[in-house]
C-alpha atoms as a PDB file:
ATOM      1  CA  MET A   1       1.307  14.145  -3.309  1.00  0.00           C
ATOM      2  CA  PRO A   2       4.256  12.589  -1.992  1.00  0.00           C
ATOM      3  CA  ARG A   3       4.272   9.018  -0.633  1.00  0.00           C
ATOM      4  CA  ASN A   4       5.121   8.493   3.096  1.00  0.00           C
ATOM      5  CA  ARG A   5       7.243   5.570   2.056  1.00  0.00           C
ATOM      6  CA  GLN A   6       9.769   4.282   4.369  1.00  0.00           C
ATOM      7  CA  SER A   7      13.105   3.097   3.135  1.00  0.00           C
ATOM      8  CA  LYS A   8      13.874  -0.515   3.207  1.00  0.00           C
ATOM      9  CA  SER A   9      16.766  -0.099   5.964  1.00  0.00           C
ATOM     10  CA  ASP A  10      13.985   1.386   8.500  1.00  0.00           C
ATOM     11  CA  LEU A  11      11.330  -1.034   7.706  1.00  0.00           C
ATOM     12  CA  PHE A  12      12.985  -3.522   8.503  1.00  0.00           C
ATOM     13  CA  LYS A  13      15.520  -1.933  11.557  1.00  0.00           C
ATOM     14  CA  GLY A  14      15.529  -3.673  15.023  1.00  0.00           C
ATOM     15  CA  ARG A  15      14.206  -7.161  14.074  1.00  0.00           C
ATOM     16  CA  HIS A  16      14.776 -10.214  15.095  1.00  0.00           C
ATOM     17  CA  PHE A  17      14.945 -11.953  11.736  1.00  0.00           C
ATOM     18  CA  GLU A  18      16.538 -10.880   8.146  1.00  0.00           C
ATOM     19  CA  GLN A  19      14.199  -9.325   5.940  1.00  0.00           C
ATOM     20  CA  GLU A  20      14.393 -11.807   3.203  1.00  0.00           C
ATOM     21  CA  ILE A  21      13.192 -14.403   5.600  1.00  0.00           C
ATOM     22  CA  ILE A  22      10.513 -12.213   6.765  1.00  0.00           C
ATOM     23  CA  VAL A  23       9.470 -10.892   3.087  1.00  0.00           C
ATOM     24  CA  LEU A  24       9.241 -14.855   2.454  1.00  0.00           C
ATOM     25  CA  CYS A  25       6.829 -15.464   5.089  1.00  0.00           C
ATOM     26  CA  VAL A  26       4.252 -12.572   4.028  1.00  0.00           C
ATOM     27  CA  ARG A  27       4.613 -12.978   0.676  1.00  0.00           C
ATOM     28  CA  TRP A  28       3.885 -16.954   0.674  1.00  0.00           C
ATOM     29  CA  TYR A  29       1.244 -16.332   3.210  1.00  0.00           C
ATOM     30  CA  ARG A  30      -0.533 -13.943   1.006  1.00  0.00           C
ATOM     31  CA  ARG A  31      -0.226 -15.956  -2.453  1.00  0.00           C
ATOM     32  CA  TYR A  32      -0.434 -19.310  -1.092  1.00  0.00           C
ATOM     33  CA  LYS A  33      -3.648 -20.473   1.176  1.00  0.00           C
ATOM     34  CA  LEU A  34      -0.817 -21.223   4.217  1.00  0.00           C
ATOM     35  CA  SER A  35      -1.232 -21.286   7.725  1.00  0.00           C
ATOM     36  CA  TYR A  36       0.868 -19.953   9.858  1.00  0.00           C
ATOM     37  CA  ARG A  37       1.303 -23.379  11.252  1.00  0.00           C
ATOM     38  CA  ASP A  38       2.523 -24.429   7.896  1.00  0.00           C
ATOM     39  CA  LEU A  39       4.777 -21.239   7.234  1.00  0.00           C
ATOM     40  CA  VAL A  40       6.748 -22.520  10.945  1.00  0.00           C
ATOM     41  CA  GLU A  41       7.084 -25.912   9.699  1.00  0.00           C
ATOM     42  CA  MET A  42       8.832 -24.699   6.239  1.00  0.00           C
ATOM     43  CA  MET A  43      10.796 -22.667   7.976  1.00  0.00           C
ATOM     44  CA  ALA A  44      12.124 -25.330  10.486  1.00  0.00           C
ATOM     45  CA  GLU A  45      12.736 -27.494   7.347  1.00  0.00           C
ATOM     46  CA  ARG A  46      15.007 -25.121   6.497  1.00  0.00           C
ATOM     47  CA  GLY A  47      16.861 -24.434   9.707  1.00  0.00           C
ATOM     48  CA  LEU A  48      14.976 -21.604  11.629  1.00  0.00           C
ATOM     49  CA  SER A  49      12.738 -21.724  14.672  1.00  0.00           C
ATOM     50  CA  VAL A  50       9.771 -19.160  14.073  1.00  0.00           C
ATOM     51  CA  ALA A  51       6.944 -19.438  16.371  1.00  0.00           C
ATOM     52  CA  HIS A  52       3.552 -18.290  14.321  1.00  0.00           C
ATOM     53  CA  THR A  53       2.660 -15.598  16.443  1.00  0.00           C
ATOM     54  CA  THR A  54       5.616 -14.081  15.016  1.00  0.00           C
ATOM     55  CA  ILE A  55       4.655 -14.556  11.449  1.00  0.00           C
ATOM     56  CA  LEU A  56       1.036 -12.880  12.540  1.00  0.00           C
ATOM     57  CA  ARG A  57       2.424  -9.722  13.808  1.00  0.00           C
ATOM     58  CA  TRP A  58       4.905 -10.019  10.729  1.00  0.00           C
ATOM     59  CA  VAL A  59       1.968  -9.921   8.195  1.00  0.00           C
ATOM     60  CA  ARG A  60      -0.096  -7.617  10.471  1.00  0.00           C
ATOM     61  CA  ARG A  61       2.932  -5.036   9.752  1.00  0.00           C
ATOM     62  CA  TYR A  62       4.292  -5.886   6.644  1.00  0.00           C
ATOM     63  CA  THR A  63       1.392  -6.654   4.336  1.00  0.00           C
ATOM     64  CA  PRO A  64       0.027  -2.469   3.975  1.00  0.00           C
ATOM     65  CA  GLU A  65       3.502  -1.820   3.104  1.00  0.00           C
ATOM     66  CA  PHE A  66       3.881  -4.649   0.756  1.00  0.00           C
ATOM     67  CA  ASP A  67       0.814  -3.843  -1.037  1.00  0.00           C
ATOM     68  CA  LYS A  68       1.537  -0.299  -1.778  1.00  0.00           C
ATOM     69  CA  ARG A  69       5.239  -0.899  -3.543  1.00  0.00           C
ATOM     70  CA  TRP A  70       3.183  -4.048  -5.132  1.00  0.00           C
ATOM     71  CA  SER A  71       0.886  -2.426  -6.449  1.00  0.00           C
ATOM     72  CA  ARG A  72       2.980  -0.310  -9.143  1.00  0.00           C
ATOM     73  CA  PHE A  73       3.547  -3.283 -10.877  1.00  0.00           C
ATOM     74  CA  SER A  74      -0.044  -4.318 -10.832  1.00  0.00           C
ATOM     75  CA  VAL A  75      -1.887  -4.337 -14.254  1.00  0.00           C
ATOM     76  CA  GLN A  76      -4.148  -1.616 -14.654  1.00  0.00           C
ATOM     77  CA  ALA A  77      -8.328  -3.122 -15.357  1.00  0.00           C
ATOM     78  CA  GLY A  78      -9.250  -1.528 -18.703  1.00  0.00           C
ATOM     79  CA  THR A  79     -11.027   1.558 -19.805  1.00  0.00           C
ATOM     80  CA  SER A  80     -14.507  -0.579 -20.643  1.00  0.00           C
ATOM     81  CA  TRP A  81     -16.037  -1.002 -17.238  1.00  0.00           C
ATOM     82  CA  ARG A  82     -19.780  -3.286 -16.401  1.00  0.00           C
ATOM     83  CA  VAL A  83     -21.041  -2.244 -12.882  1.00  0.00           C
ATOM     84  CA  ASP A  84     -24.012  -3.596 -10.766  1.00  0.00           C
ATOM     85  CA  GLU A  85     -24.687  -3.592  -7.345  1.00  0.00           C
ATOM     86  CA  THR A  86     -26.395  -6.737  -5.557  1.00  0.00           C
ATOM     87  CA  TYR A  87     -27.767  -7.837  -2.468  1.00  0.00           C
ATOM     88  CA  VAL A  88     -25.445 -10.395  -0.569  1.00  0.00           C
ATOM     89  CA  ARG A  89     -24.959 -12.071   3.016  1.00  0.00           C
ATOM     90  CA  ILE A  90     -21.697 -11.433   5.285  1.00  0.00           C
ATOM     91  CA  ARG A  91     -21.737 -12.972   8.446  1.00  0.00           C
ATOM     92  CA  GLY A  92     -25.019 -12.722   9.013  1.00  0.00           C
ATOM     93  CA  GLN A  93     -25.688  -9.592   7.486  1.00  0.00           C
ATOM     94  CA  TRP A  94     -26.827  -8.053   4.166  1.00  0.00           C
ATOM     95  CA  ALA A  95     -25.137  -5.796   2.651  1.00  0.00           C
ATOM     96  CA  TYR A  96     -24.947  -4.010  -0.870  1.00  0.00           C
ATOM     97  CA  LEU A  97     -21.953  -5.726  -2.874  1.00  0.00           C
ATOM     98  CA  TYR A  98     -20.959  -2.910  -5.512  1.00  0.00           C
ATOM     99  CA  ARG A  99     -18.473  -4.209  -8.286  1.00  0.00           C
ATOM    100  CA  ALA A 100     -17.226  -3.204 -11.236  1.00  0.00           C
ATOM    101  CA  VAL A 101     -15.585  -5.577 -14.467  1.00  0.00           C
ATOM    102  CA  ASP A 102     -13.308  -4.460 -17.319  1.00  0.00           C
ATOM    103  CA  SER A 103     -14.165  -5.967 -20.720  1.00  0.00           C
ATOM    104  CA  ALA A 104     -11.568  -8.636 -19.888  1.00  0.00           C
ATOM    105  CA  GLY A 105     -13.564  -9.718 -16.664  1.00  0.00           C
ATOM    106  CA  LYS A 106     -10.817  -8.274 -14.070  1.00  0.00           C
ATOM    107  CA  THR A 107     -12.356  -6.995 -11.328  1.00  0.00           C
ATOM    108  CA  VAL A 108     -11.898  -3.386 -10.869  1.00  0.00           C
ATOM    109  CA  ASP A 109     -12.499  -2.545  -7.313  1.00  0.00           C
ATOM    110  CA  PHE A 110     -15.820  -3.420  -4.998  1.00  0.00           C
ATOM    111  CA  ARG A 111     -17.245  -2.041  -2.154  1.00  0.00           C
ATOM    112  CA  LEU A 112     -19.391  -3.603   0.410  1.00  0.00           C
ATOM    113  CA  SER A 113     -22.467  -0.803   1.922  1.00  0.00           C
ATOM    114  CA  PRO A 114     -25.171  -1.078   3.968  1.00  0.00           C
ATOM    115  CA  GLN A 115     -27.322   1.413   1.778  1.00  0.00           C
ATOM    116  CA  ARG A 116     -27.997   1.270  -2.039  1.00  0.00           C
ATOM    117  CA  ASN A 117     -28.335   4.674  -2.688  1.00  0.00           C
ATOM    118  CA  VAL A 118     -27.122   7.581  -4.485  1.00  0.00           C
ATOM    119  CA  ALA A 119     -24.622   8.319  -1.935  1.00  0.00           C
ATOM    120  CA  SER A 120     -23.310   4.635  -1.944  1.00  0.00           C
ATOM    121  CA  ALA A 121     -23.311   4.415  -5.701  1.00  0.00           C
ATOM    122  CA  MET A 122     -21.026   7.626  -5.584  1.00  0.00           C
ATOM    123  CA  ALA A 123     -18.776   6.297  -3.087  1.00  0.00           C
ATOM    124  CA  PHE A 124     -18.558   3.113  -5.302  1.00  0.00           C
ATOM    125  CA  PHE A 125     -17.140   5.574  -8.301  1.00  0.00           C
ATOM    126  CA  ARG A 126     -15.070   7.517  -6.724  1.00  0.00           C
ATOM    127  CA  LYS A 127     -13.275   4.389  -4.765  1.00  0.00           C
ATOM    128  CA  ALA A 128     -13.017   2.594  -8.157  1.00  0.00           C
ATOM    129  CA  VAL A 129     -11.373   5.897 -10.244  1.00  0.00           C
ATOM    130  CA  ARG A 130      -8.930   6.644  -7.066  1.00  0.00           C
ATOM    131  CA  SER A 131      -7.676   2.680  -7.076  1.00  0.00           C
ATOM    132  CA  GLN A 132      -7.637   2.907 -10.994  1.00  0.00           C
ATOM    133  CA  GLY A 133      -6.015   6.024 -11.415  1.00  0.00           C
ATOM    134  CA  ARG A 134      -7.845   6.913 -14.353  1.00  0.00           C
ATOM    135  CA  PRO A 135     -11.996   7.018 -15.063  1.00  0.00           C
ATOM    136  CA  PRO A 136     -12.925   4.479 -17.848  1.00  0.00           C
ATOM    137  CA  LYS A 137     -14.211   5.630 -21.319  1.00  0.00           C
ATOM    138  CA  THR A 138     -17.222   3.619 -21.379  1.00  0.00           C
ATOM    139  CA  ILE A 139     -19.691   2.110 -18.126  1.00  0.00           C
ATOM    140  CA  THR A 140     -22.427  -0.257 -18.890  1.00  0.00           C
ATOM    141  CA  LEU A 141     -24.385  -0.188 -15.861  1.00  0.00           C
ATOM    142  CA  ASP A 142     -27.765  -2.137 -15.085  1.00  0.00           C
ATOM    143  CA  GLY A 143     -31.340  -0.526 -14.441  1.00  0.00           C
ATOM    144  CA  TYR A 144     -31.224   0.531 -10.951  1.00  0.00           C
ATOM    145  CA  ALA A 145     -31.540   5.307 -11.612  1.00  0.00           C
ATOM    146  CA  ALA A 146     -29.511   5.806  -8.701  1.00  0.00           C
ATOM    147  CA  SER A 147     -26.522   4.170 -10.455  1.00  0.00           C
ATOM    148  CA  HIS A 148     -27.284   6.610 -13.487  1.00  0.00           C
ATOM    149  CA  ARG A 149     -27.785   9.879 -11.231  1.00  0.00           C
ATOM    150  CA  ALA A 150     -24.172   8.443  -9.713  1.00  0.00           C
ATOM    151  CA  VAL A 151     -22.789   8.701 -13.065  1.00  0.00           C
ATOM    152  CA  ARG A 152     -24.310  12.209 -13.915  1.00  0.00           C
ATOM    153  CA  GLU A 153     -23.400  13.769 -11.024  1.00  0.00           C
ATOM    154  CA  LEU A 154     -19.902  12.889 -10.974  1.00  0.00           C
ATOM    155  CA  GLN A 155     -19.612  13.960 -14.889  1.00  0.00           C
ATOM    156  CA  GLN A 156     -20.946  17.419 -13.861  1.00  0.00           C
ATOM    157  CA  GLN A 157     -18.076  17.545 -10.694  1.00  0.00           C
ATOM    158  CA  GLY A 158     -15.844  16.433 -13.452  1.00  0.00           C
ATOM    159  CA  MET A 159     -14.498  13.261 -11.960  1.00  0.00           C
ATOM    160  CA  LEU A 160     -15.788  11.208 -14.199  1.00  0.00           C
ATOM    161  CA  ALA A 161     -15.189  12.614 -18.142  1.00  0.00           C
ATOM    162  CA  GLU A 162     -17.616  12.034 -20.618  1.00  0.00           C
ATOM    163  CA  LEU A 163     -18.339   8.822 -21.471  1.00  0.00           C
ATOM    164  CA  ASN A 164     -18.043   8.118 -25.198  1.00  0.00           C
ATOM    165  CA  ARG A 165     -21.071   5.375 -24.536  1.00  0.00           C
ATOM    166  CA  PRO A 166     -22.754   5.477 -21.108  1.00  0.00           C
ATOM    167  CA  GLY A 167     -24.212   2.536 -21.085  1.00  0.00           C
ATOM    168  CA  PHE A 168     -27.791   0.155 -19.960  1.00  0.00           C
ATOM    169  CA  CYS A 169     -28.194  -3.329 -19.811  1.00  0.00           C
ATOM    170  CA  ARG A 170     -30.958  -5.255 -18.447  1.00  0.00           C
ATOM    171  CA  GLY A 171     -30.654  -8.374 -15.673  1.00  0.00           C
ATOM    172  CA  SER A 172     -26.987  -8.546 -13.807  1.00  0.00           C
ATOM    173  CA  ILE A 173     -23.921  -8.891 -15.220  1.00  0.00           C
ATOM    174  CA  LEU A 174     -22.004 -10.229 -12.126  1.00  0.00           C
END
């Protein structure tokens, strides 16, 4: 599947600031807990006059493209996943949080869902496998039956290979 990626010159075409300034502001905003006004001040110290709304537009415009380009340098999670779901409150709304971590504790992926059922568990596993580019060799699950059923169905569909040791653990691993 070919990626629809713009060339670097097309990506910054027609911008009033040089690409190095744009990349620097977006990277600093994403990496460090800086506000747009902090970045305006930092650019002013370097002799550049930039409005905070301009930096806001850069972040919104370039973050998806930078994520695509930078994701190839990220380290993949391990092949042994521990999966759990829990009920969390986000902005006053209750939702189920599905999360997988590898044996080193690195988050593989997560998904918020309004329901806790087989379809939600399957959607989570599909998303996690797609984000990693490969299925895990082992999965450790909690006692929730829908997650076990989702793994079995995905194995039957061929999305998850036969696991070395489909596990079960009591209690939460989050």
